[in-house]
Amino acid sequence: MRYLVNICYDGSLFYGFESQPNKRTISSTIENELQKILNEKIKIVGCSRTDKGVHANNYFFHFDTTKDIEIEKLQRSLNKLLPKDIYVKNIKEVDEYFHARYSVVNKEYKYIINTGIYNPTKRNIELQYGKPIDLQLMKEASNYLLGTHDFKSFTSDNEKDNYVRTINYINIKQNENIIEIYINGDGFLKYMIRNIVGLFLEINEGKKKINDIPDIINSKDRRKLGVKAPSNGLYLNIINY
């Protein structure tokens, strides 16, 4: 039997989703508790990789088991055993052909920026930027990234066979001192979202110009970008199947 699980988590104290030796990760934490409950070896398959310090409002993974599961009981048990920075929102049975990663149609990330005074209580869940942002300039810059492009310039991963991705929309909203950037696409490369946000901030600071964006894309060279934005403001927000 295959089950799809929807979770949310605060990634502040995790080294990302994927298991790493001697590191606290989302997947290893969940697998340990699932194995205790089901009394069998469990390997979970996630919908996406998230980096150290990145959060998720909606994350999905699937796992296979030979056991007959009472879904509501499993959900209660997991939420009782898991640490307070992970919460199971829903579990449902899916067919054996469903894949948490490869069945994804598109996904949305959200990035949160505080342009006001430093807030230590939210330092792990939003970027404490502390400077004004020209919202119109950022929106104009985002138009150059829409559609299908080779985004090799926006990742440090040099082992991919294909760097072509499609960005469906970039929506930028402001509520007083908080700016939220929503980016939806068919898939994203390692650090791609953080590099996009980093580019926006460099344009805001005058270190780069909007007209530089086509040259950056066409160069396929990560060195044309500046520093990527920190992980603490980033959330995997929506997964569409």
Protein backbone atom coordinates (compact mmCIF):
# COMPACT_ATOMS: atom_id res chain seq x y z
CA MET A 1 0.00 0.00 0.00
CA ARG A 2 1.17 3.53 -0.76
CA TYR A 3 0.26 6.56 1.33
CA LEU A 4 0.64 10.27 0.66
CA VAL A 5 1.35 12.48 3.67
CA ASN A 6 0.95 16.27 3.83
CA ILE A 7 3.09 18.00 6.47
CA CYS A 8 4.25 21.46 7.46
CA TYR A 9 7.44 22.27 9.30
CA ASP A 10 9.71 24.92 10.74
CA GLY A 11 13.07 24.16 9.15
CA SER A 12 15.12 26.38 11.46
CA LEU A 13 16.78 23.51 13.33
CA PHE A 14 16.95 21.02 10.44
CA TYR A 15 19.65 20.38 7.85
CA GLY A 16 17.04 20.24 5.10
CA PHE A 17 14.68 17.46 4.07
CA GLU A 18 17.02 14.80 2.67
CA SER A 19 18.76 12.43 5.09
CA GLN A 20 22.40 13.18 5.88
CA PRO A 21 24.77 11.22 8.13
CA ASN A 22 24.75 12.50 11.71
CA LYS A 23 22.48 15.44 10.80
CA ARG A 24 18.98 16.27 11.99
CA THR A 25 16.82 16.20 8.85
CA ILE A 26 13.10 16.11 8.17
CA SER A 27 13.12 12.75 6.39
CA SER A 28 15.23 10.88 8.95
CA THR A 29 13.13 12.27 11.81
CA ILE A 30 9.89 11.11 10.21
CA GLU A 31 11.25 7.74 9.10
CA ASN A 32 12.39 6.96 12.64
CA GLU A 33 8.91 7.54 14.04
CA LEU A 34 7.12 5.71 11.21
CA GLN A 35 9.33 2.68 11.77
CA LYS A 36 8.49 2.67 15.48
CA ILE A 37 4.77 2.77 14.75
CA LEU A 38 4.71 0.27 11.87
CA ASN A 39 7.53 -1.94 13.10
CA GLU A 40 9.11 -2.23 9.64
CA LYS A 41 11.74 -0.47 7.57
CA ILE A 42 10.23 2.66 5.98
CA LYS A 43 11.73 4.89 3.30
CA ILE A 44 9.87 8.11 2.56
CA VAL A 45 10.02 9.86 -0.83
CA GLY A 46 9.65 13.63 -0.75
CA CYS A 47 8.09 16.01 -3.26
CA SER A 48 11.13 18.30 -3.26
CA ARG A 49 14.43 19.00 -1.59
CA THR A 50 14.56 21.84 0.89
CA ASP A 51 17.81 23.32 2.16
CA LYS A 52 19.00 23.81 5.70
CA GLY A 53 16.78 26.38 7.42
CA VAL A 54 14.04 26.36 4.76
CA HIS A 55 10.44 25.92 5.91
CA ALA A 56 7.32 24.34 4.43
CA ASN A 57 3.66 25.29 4.71
CA ASN A 58 2.75 22.28 2.58
CA TYR A 59 5.15 19.42 1.93
CA PHE A 60 4.21 15.99 0.62
CA PHE A 61 5.91 12.62 0.79
CA HIS A 62 4.83 9.08 0.06
CA PHE A 63 5.81 5.79 1.62
CA ASP A 64 5.00 2.12 1.05
CA THR A 65 4.04 -0.38 3.72
CA THR A 66 2.81 -3.93 3.94
CA LYS A 67 0.67 -3.03 6.96
CA ASP A 68 -3.04 -2.32 6.96
CA ILE A 69 -3.16 1.25 8.26
CA GLU A 70 -5.89 3.07 10.15
CA ILE A 71 -5.13 6.53 8.73
CA GLU A 72 -6.54 8.70 11.50
CA LYS A 73 -4.77 6.66 14.16
CA LEU A 74 -1.47 6.90 12.27
CA GLN A 75 -1.83 10.67 11.98
CA ARG A 76 -2.49 11.02 15.69
CA SER A 77 0.44 8.78 16.56
CA LEU A 78 2.85 10.64 14.34
CA ASN A 79 1.84 14.02 15.71
CA LYS A 80 2.29 12.71 19.22
CA LEU A 81 5.78 11.34 18.53
CA LEU A 82 7.19 13.92 16.13
CA PRO A 83 8.95 17.04 17.46
CA LYS A 84 6.92 20.22 17.66
CA ASP A 85 8.57 21.70 14.55
CA ILE A 86 6.85 19.10 12.30
CA TYR A 87 3.09 18.58 11.99
CA VAL A 88 1.15 16.01 9.95
CA LYS A 89 -1.82 17.74 8.29
CA ASN A 90 -3.27 14.86 6.28
CA ILE A 91 -2.66 11.27 5.18
CA LYS A 92 -4.41 9.49 2.33
CA GLU A 93 -4.03 6.29 0.37
CA VAL A 94 -2.86 6.64 -3.26
CA ASP A 95 -2.31 4.15 -6.05
CA GLU A 96 1.06 2.52 -6.61
CA TYR A 97 1.77 4.68 -9.68
CA PHE A 98 1.54 7.93 -7.76
CA HIS A 99 4.91 9.53 -6.95
CA ALA A 100 5.30 12.39 -4.50
CA ARG A 101 8.01 14.00 -6.65
CA TYR A 102 7.37 12.95 -10.24
CA SER A 103 3.60 13.45 -10.13
CA VAL A 104 3.99 17.14 -9.24
CA VAL A 105 2.46 19.47 -11.85
CA ASN A 106 3.82 22.68 -10.36
CA LYS A 107 4.93 24.12 -7.05
CA GLU A 108 4.91 27.51 -5.36
CA TYR A 109 7.55 28.94 -3.06
CA LYS A 110 7.10 31.96 -0.84
CA TYR A 111 9.85 34.27 0.41
CA ILE A 112 9.24 36.71 3.28
CA ILE A 113 11.23 39.91 3.76
CA ASN A 114 10.99 42.34 6.68
CA THR A 115 11.96 45.83 5.48
CA GLY A 116 11.33 47.40 8.89
CA ILE A 117 13.30 47.28 12.13
CA TYR A 118 15.06 44.08 13.12
CA ASN A 119 12.72 41.61 14.80
CA PRO A 120 14.63 38.97 16.80
CA THR A 121 11.47 36.92 17.40
CA LYS A 122 11.13 36.31 13.65
CA ARG A 123 14.78 36.12 12.65
CA ASN A 124 14.43 32.40 11.79
CA ILE A 125 11.25 32.72 9.72
CA GLU A 126 11.77 35.86 7.62
CA LEU A 127 14.70 37.78 6.17
CA GLN A 128 15.50 40.77 8.40
CA TYR A 129 16.43 43.10 5.53
CA GLY A 130 15.79 46.39 7.33
CA LYS A 131 15.83 48.59 4.21
CA PRO A 132 13.14 49.97 1.89
CA ILE A 133 12.42 47.98 -1.26
CA ASP A 134 11.28 49.52 -4.53
CA LEU A 135 8.33 47.24 -5.19
CA GLN A 136 7.77 48.44 -8.74
CA LEU A 137 11.42 47.83 -9.62
CA MET A 138 11.18 44.30 -8.25
CA LYS A 139 8.00 43.62 -10.23
CA GLU A 140 9.63 44.88 -13.44
CA ALA A 141 12.63 42.64 -12.81
CA SER A 142 10.40 39.61 -12.26
CA ASN A 143 8.92 39.94 -15.77
CA TYR A 144 12.26 38.98 -17.30
CA LEU A 145 12.18 35.61 -15.52
CA LEU A 146 8.68 34.52 -16.53
CA GLY A 147 8.27 31.73 -19.02
CA THR A 148 10.69 29.01 -20.06
CA HIS A 149 14.44 29.63 -19.79
CA ASP A 150 17.70 27.84 -19.20
CA PHE A 151 18.30 28.79 -15.56
CA LYS A 152 21.82 27.42 -15.21
CA SER A 153 22.99 30.88 -14.04
CA PHE A 154 20.69 30.52 -11.04
CA THR A 155 22.16 27.35 -9.54
CA SER A 156 25.49 26.09 -8.27
CA ASP A 157 24.56 22.55 -9.31
CA ASN A 158 26.79 21.61 -12.25
CA GLU A 159 25.64 18.00 -12.52
CA LYS A 160 22.26 18.45 -14.18
CA ASP A 161 21.57 17.35 -17.74
CA ASN A 162 18.82 19.91 -18.13
CA TYR A 163 18.57 23.39 -16.61
CA VAL A 164 15.43 24.45 -18.47
CA ARG A 165 12.54 25.37 -16.19
CA THR A 166 9.28 27.29 -16.61
CA ILE A 167 8.20 30.01 -14.19
CA ASN A 168 4.43 30.48 -14.39
CA TYR A 169 4.14 33.55 -12.20
CA ILE A 170 5.94 35.77 -9.72
CA ASN A 171 3.57 37.69 -7.46
CA ILE A 172 4.92 40.29 -5.04
CA LYS A 173 2.78 41.64 -2.22
CA GLN A 174 3.44 44.20 0.50
CA ASN A 175 1.70 44.63 3.83
CA GLU A 176 3.31 47.50 5.74
CA ASN A 177 6.93 46.42 6.32
CA ILE A 178 6.49 42.83 5.13
CA ILE A 179 7.07 41.84 1.50
CA GLU A 180 6.07 38.39 0.29
CA ILE A 181 7.32 37.00 -3.02
CA TYR A 182 5.38 34.06 -4.52
CA ILE A 183 7.07 32.09 -7.30
CA ASN A 184 5.32 29.25 -9.12
CA GLY A 185 6.97 26.95 -11.65
CA ASP A 186 7.13 23.43 -13.00
CA GLY A 187 10.28 22.79 -10.99
CA PHE A 188 13.26 24.56 -9.48
CA LEU A 189 17.01 24.00 -9.40
CA LYS A 190 19.13 23.94 -6.26
CA TYR A 191 19.21 27.45 -4.70
CA MET A 192 17.22 28.81 -7.67
CA ILE A 193 14.60 30.65 -5.61
CA ARG A 194 17.19 32.07 -3.23
CA ASN A 195 19.29 33.24 -6.17
CA ILE A 196 16.28 34.92 -7.77
CA VAL A 197 15.49 36.77 -4.54
CA GLY A 198 19.17 37.65 -4.15
CA LEU A 199 19.14 39.16 -7.64
CA PHE A 200 16.05 41.21 -6.80
CA LEU A 201 17.76 42.59 -3.70
CA GLU A 202 20.91 43.46 -5.65
CA ILE A 203 18.78 45.32 -8.19
CA ASN A 204 17.04 47.13 -5.34
CA GLU A 205 20.45 48.18 -3.97
CA GLY A 206 21.72 49.35 -7.36
CA LYS A 207 24.38 46.64 -7.59
CA LYS A 208 22.68 45.23 -10.68
CA LYS A 209 20.25 46.64 -13.24
CA ILE A 210 17.08 45.17 -14.68
CA ASN A 211 18.68 45.23 -18.12
CA ASP A 212 21.38 42.87 -16.82
CA ILE A 213 18.92 40.01 -16.42
CA PRO A 214 18.87 38.77 -20.06
CA ASP A 215 22.68 38.71 -20.09
CA ILE A 216 22.74 36.82 -16.78
CA ILE A 217 20.33 34.21 -18.13
CA ASN A 218 22.14 33.84 -21.45
CA SER A 219 25.56 33.56 -19.79
CA LYS A 220 24.60 30.30 -18.02
CA ASP A 221 27.22 31.33 -15.47
CA ARG A 222 26.39 31.42 -11.74
CA ARG A 223 29.26 33.88 -11.21
CA LYS A 224 27.23 36.58 -12.95
CA LEU A 225 24.94 36.68 -9.92
CA GLY A 226 25.71 38.00 -6.47
CA VAL A 227 25.04 36.41 -3.09
CA LYS A 228 21.96 34.21 -2.75
CA ALA A 229 19.31 35.23 -0.24
CA PRO A 230 19.41 33.49 3.15
CA SER A 231 17.33 30.35 3.70
CA ASN A 232 15.32 31.58 6.67
CA GLY A 233 12.81 33.58 4.59
CA LEU A 234 11.97 30.71 2.22
CA TYR A 235 8.92 28.45 2.38
CA LEU A 236 7.72 25.63 0.15
CA ASN A 237 4.16 26.90 0.01
CA ILE A 238 1.96 24.91 -2.39
CA ILE A 239 2.33 21.64 -4.30
CA ASN A 240 -0.14 20.95 -7.11
CA TYR A 241 -0.64 17.40 -8.39
